[in-house]
N, C-alpha and C. Protein backbone atom coordinates (compact mmCIF):
# COMPACT_ATOMS: atom_id res chain seq x y z
N MET A 1 -48.13 -78.57 53.44
CA MET A 1 -48.33 -77.15 53.35
C MET A 1 -47.25 -76.47 52.50
N ALA A 2 -46.09 -77.09 52.43
CA ALA A 2 -45.01 -76.50 51.63
C ALA A 2 -45.38 -76.46 50.15
N LEU A 3 -46.13 -77.44 49.69
CA LEU A 3 -46.54 -77.44 48.28
C LEU A 3 -47.50 -76.30 47.98
N ILE A 4 -48.39 -76.03 48.91
CA ILE A 4 -49.34 -74.93 48.73
C ILE A 4 -48.58 -73.60 48.72
N ARG A 5 -47.65 -73.45 49.64
CA ARG A 5 -46.84 -72.22 49.69
C ARG A 5 -46.04 -72.04 48.40
N ALA A 6 -45.48 -73.11 47.90
CA ALA A 6 -44.70 -73.05 46.66
C ALA A 6 -45.59 -72.67 45.48
N ALA A 7 -46.78 -73.23 45.42
CA ALA A 7 -47.69 -72.91 44.32
C ALA A 7 -48.13 -71.45 44.38
N ARG A 8 -48.45 -70.97 45.57
CA ARG A 8 -48.85 -69.57 45.72
C ARG A 8 -47.72 -68.62 45.34
N THR A 9 -46.52 -68.93 45.79
CA THR A 9 -45.36 -68.09 45.48
C THR A 9 -45.09 -68.07 43.98
N ALA A 10 -45.14 -69.23 43.36
CA ALA A 10 -44.90 -69.30 41.91
C ALA A 10 -45.95 -68.52 41.14
N GLN A 11 -47.20 -68.60 41.57
CA GLN A 11 -48.26 -67.85 40.89
C GLN A 11 -48.07 -66.35 41.08
N HIS A 12 -47.69 -65.96 42.27
CA HIS A 12 -47.45 -64.54 42.54
C HIS A 12 -46.31 -64.00 41.67
N LEU A 13 -45.23 -64.74 41.58
CA LEU A 13 -44.10 -64.31 40.75
C LEU A 13 -44.48 -64.25 39.28
N ALA A 14 -45.30 -65.19 38.83
CA ALA A 14 -45.73 -65.18 37.43
C ALA A 14 -46.58 -63.96 37.14
N VAL A 15 -47.47 -63.61 38.05
CA VAL A 15 -48.31 -62.42 37.85
C VAL A 15 -47.45 -61.16 37.83
N ARG A 16 -46.48 -61.09 38.71
CA ARG A 16 -45.58 -59.92 38.71
C ARG A 16 -44.80 -59.84 37.40
N ALA A 17 -44.36 -60.98 36.88
CA ALA A 17 -43.63 -60.98 35.61
C ALA A 17 -44.52 -60.53 34.46
N ILE A 18 -45.78 -60.94 34.48
CA ILE A 18 -46.71 -60.50 33.44
C ILE A 18 -46.86 -58.98 33.50
N THR A 19 -46.97 -58.44 34.69
CA THR A 19 -47.13 -57.00 34.86
C THR A 19 -45.90 -56.24 34.36
N VAL A 20 -44.72 -56.76 34.65
CA VAL A 20 -43.48 -56.06 34.30
C VAL A 20 -43.08 -56.30 32.86
N HIS A 21 -43.12 -57.55 32.41
CA HIS A 21 -42.55 -57.92 31.11
C HIS A 21 -43.58 -58.19 30.02
N GLY A 22 -44.81 -58.46 30.38
CA GLY A 22 -45.81 -58.85 29.41
C GLY A 22 -45.91 -60.36 29.31
N LEU A 23 -46.94 -60.81 28.65
CA LEU A 23 -47.25 -62.24 28.62
C LEU A 23 -46.29 -63.06 27.77
N ALA A 24 -45.75 -62.51 26.71
CA ALA A 24 -44.93 -63.28 25.78
C ALA A 24 -43.44 -63.31 26.13
N HIS A 25 -43.04 -62.66 27.19
CA HIS A 25 -41.63 -62.60 27.56
C HIS A 25 -41.17 -63.98 28.06
N PRO A 26 -39.95 -64.40 27.71
CA PRO A 26 -39.45 -65.72 28.12
C PRO A 26 -39.44 -65.94 29.64
N VAL A 27 -39.13 -64.90 30.40
CA VAL A 27 -39.14 -65.03 31.86
C VAL A 27 -40.56 -65.30 32.35
N THR A 28 -41.52 -64.59 31.80
CA THR A 28 -42.92 -64.80 32.17
C THR A 28 -43.36 -66.22 31.84
N LEU A 29 -43.01 -66.68 30.66
CA LEU A 29 -43.41 -68.03 30.26
C LEU A 29 -42.79 -69.09 31.17
N ALA A 30 -41.55 -68.89 31.56
CA ALA A 30 -40.90 -69.84 32.46
C ALA A 30 -41.57 -69.84 33.83
N LEU A 31 -41.92 -68.65 34.32
CA LEU A 31 -42.58 -68.57 35.62
C LEU A 31 -44.00 -69.14 35.58
N LEU A 32 -44.68 -68.94 34.46
CA LEU A 32 -46.01 -69.56 34.32
C LEU A 32 -45.91 -71.09 34.30
N ALA A 33 -44.88 -71.61 33.65
CA ALA A 33 -44.67 -73.05 33.64
C ALA A 33 -44.36 -73.57 35.04
N ALA A 34 -43.56 -72.82 35.78
CA ALA A 34 -43.24 -73.21 37.16
C ALA A 34 -44.48 -73.17 38.04
N ALA A 35 -45.32 -72.16 37.84
CA ALA A 35 -46.54 -72.05 38.63
C ALA A 35 -47.50 -73.20 38.34
N SER A 36 -47.64 -73.55 37.08
CA SER A 36 -48.54 -74.66 36.74
C SER A 36 -48.00 -75.99 37.26
N THR A 37 -46.69 -76.15 37.23
CA THR A 37 -46.08 -77.37 37.76
C THR A 37 -46.28 -77.46 39.27
N ALA A 38 -46.08 -76.36 39.96
CA ALA A 38 -46.26 -76.35 41.42
C ALA A 38 -47.71 -76.64 41.79
N ALA A 39 -48.65 -76.05 41.06
CA ALA A 39 -50.07 -76.31 41.33
C ALA A 39 -50.42 -77.77 41.04
N ALA A 40 -49.87 -78.32 39.99
CA ALA A 40 -50.13 -79.72 39.66
C ALA A 40 -49.58 -80.66 40.73
N ARG A 41 -48.41 -80.34 41.26
CA ARG A 41 -47.84 -81.16 42.33
C ARG A 41 -48.73 -81.14 43.58
N ALA A 42 -49.22 -79.95 43.92
CA ALA A 42 -50.11 -79.84 45.07
C ALA A 42 -51.39 -80.64 44.83
N TRP A 43 -51.94 -80.54 43.64
CA TRP A 43 -53.15 -81.29 43.28
C TRP A 43 -52.90 -82.80 43.36
N ASP A 44 -51.77 -83.24 42.82
CA ASP A 44 -51.43 -84.66 42.84
C ASP A 44 -51.28 -85.21 44.25
N ARG A 45 -50.88 -84.35 45.18
CA ARG A 45 -50.74 -84.77 46.58
C ARG A 45 -52.05 -84.70 47.35
N GLY A 46 -53.13 -84.33 46.66
CA GLY A 46 -54.44 -84.34 47.29
C GLY A 46 -54.94 -83.01 47.82
N HIS A 47 -54.20 -81.94 47.58
CA HIS A 47 -54.67 -80.63 48.04
C HIS A 47 -55.74 -80.13 47.09
N PRO A 48 -56.86 -79.64 47.61
CA PRO A 48 -57.91 -79.11 46.73
C PRO A 48 -57.49 -77.78 46.12
N VAL A 49 -58.13 -77.41 45.05
CA VAL A 49 -57.80 -76.18 44.34
C VAL A 49 -57.96 -74.97 45.26
N HIS A 50 -58.98 -74.96 46.09
CA HIS A 50 -59.20 -73.80 46.96
C HIS A 50 -58.11 -73.66 48.02
N ALA A 51 -57.28 -74.66 48.21
CA ALA A 51 -56.14 -74.51 49.13
C ALA A 51 -55.10 -73.58 48.53
N VAL A 52 -55.00 -73.56 47.21
CA VAL A 52 -54.07 -72.66 46.54
C VAL A 52 -54.71 -71.29 46.34
N HIS A 53 -55.99 -71.27 45.99
CA HIS A 53 -56.73 -70.04 45.69
C HIS A 53 -57.67 -69.72 46.84
N THR A 54 -57.14 -69.40 47.99
CA THR A 54 -57.98 -69.21 49.17
C THR A 54 -58.87 -67.98 49.08
N ARG A 55 -58.39 -66.86 48.58
CA ARG A 55 -59.23 -65.66 48.50
C ARG A 55 -60.41 -65.88 47.56
N LEU A 56 -60.16 -66.46 46.42
CA LEU A 56 -61.22 -66.73 45.46
C LEU A 56 -62.26 -67.64 46.08
N HIS A 57 -61.81 -68.65 46.80
CA HIS A 57 -62.74 -69.59 47.43
C HIS A 57 -63.59 -68.88 48.48
N ARG A 58 -63.00 -68.01 49.29
CA ARG A 58 -63.75 -67.30 50.33
C ARG A 58 -64.77 -66.36 49.72
N GLN A 59 -64.40 -65.67 48.64
CA GLN A 59 -65.33 -64.73 48.01
C GLN A 59 -66.53 -65.46 47.45
N ARG A 60 -66.32 -66.56 46.80
CA ARG A 60 -67.43 -67.30 46.20
C ARG A 60 -68.31 -67.98 47.24
N SER A 61 -67.72 -68.41 48.35
CA SER A 61 -68.52 -69.10 49.36
C SER A 61 -69.38 -68.13 50.17
N THR A 62 -69.01 -66.86 50.21
CA THR A 62 -69.78 -65.89 50.98
C THR A 62 -70.84 -65.18 50.15
N THR A 63 -70.82 -65.32 48.84
CA THR A 63 -71.80 -64.63 48.01
C THR A 63 -72.97 -65.52 47.70
């Protein structure tokens, strides 16, 4: 579960950086790289994508 939490946190921070600094800012790019790495680690350990993107999964499954 720690991998899922890390991936969600990294994605949240990356989105906040995009909002504050824009997409091309070095901080944003570093956080996006960290988010993709965290998500890849969770995937490699066998966690499904919807474990990281729970809201998206719930919305699509109910429609």
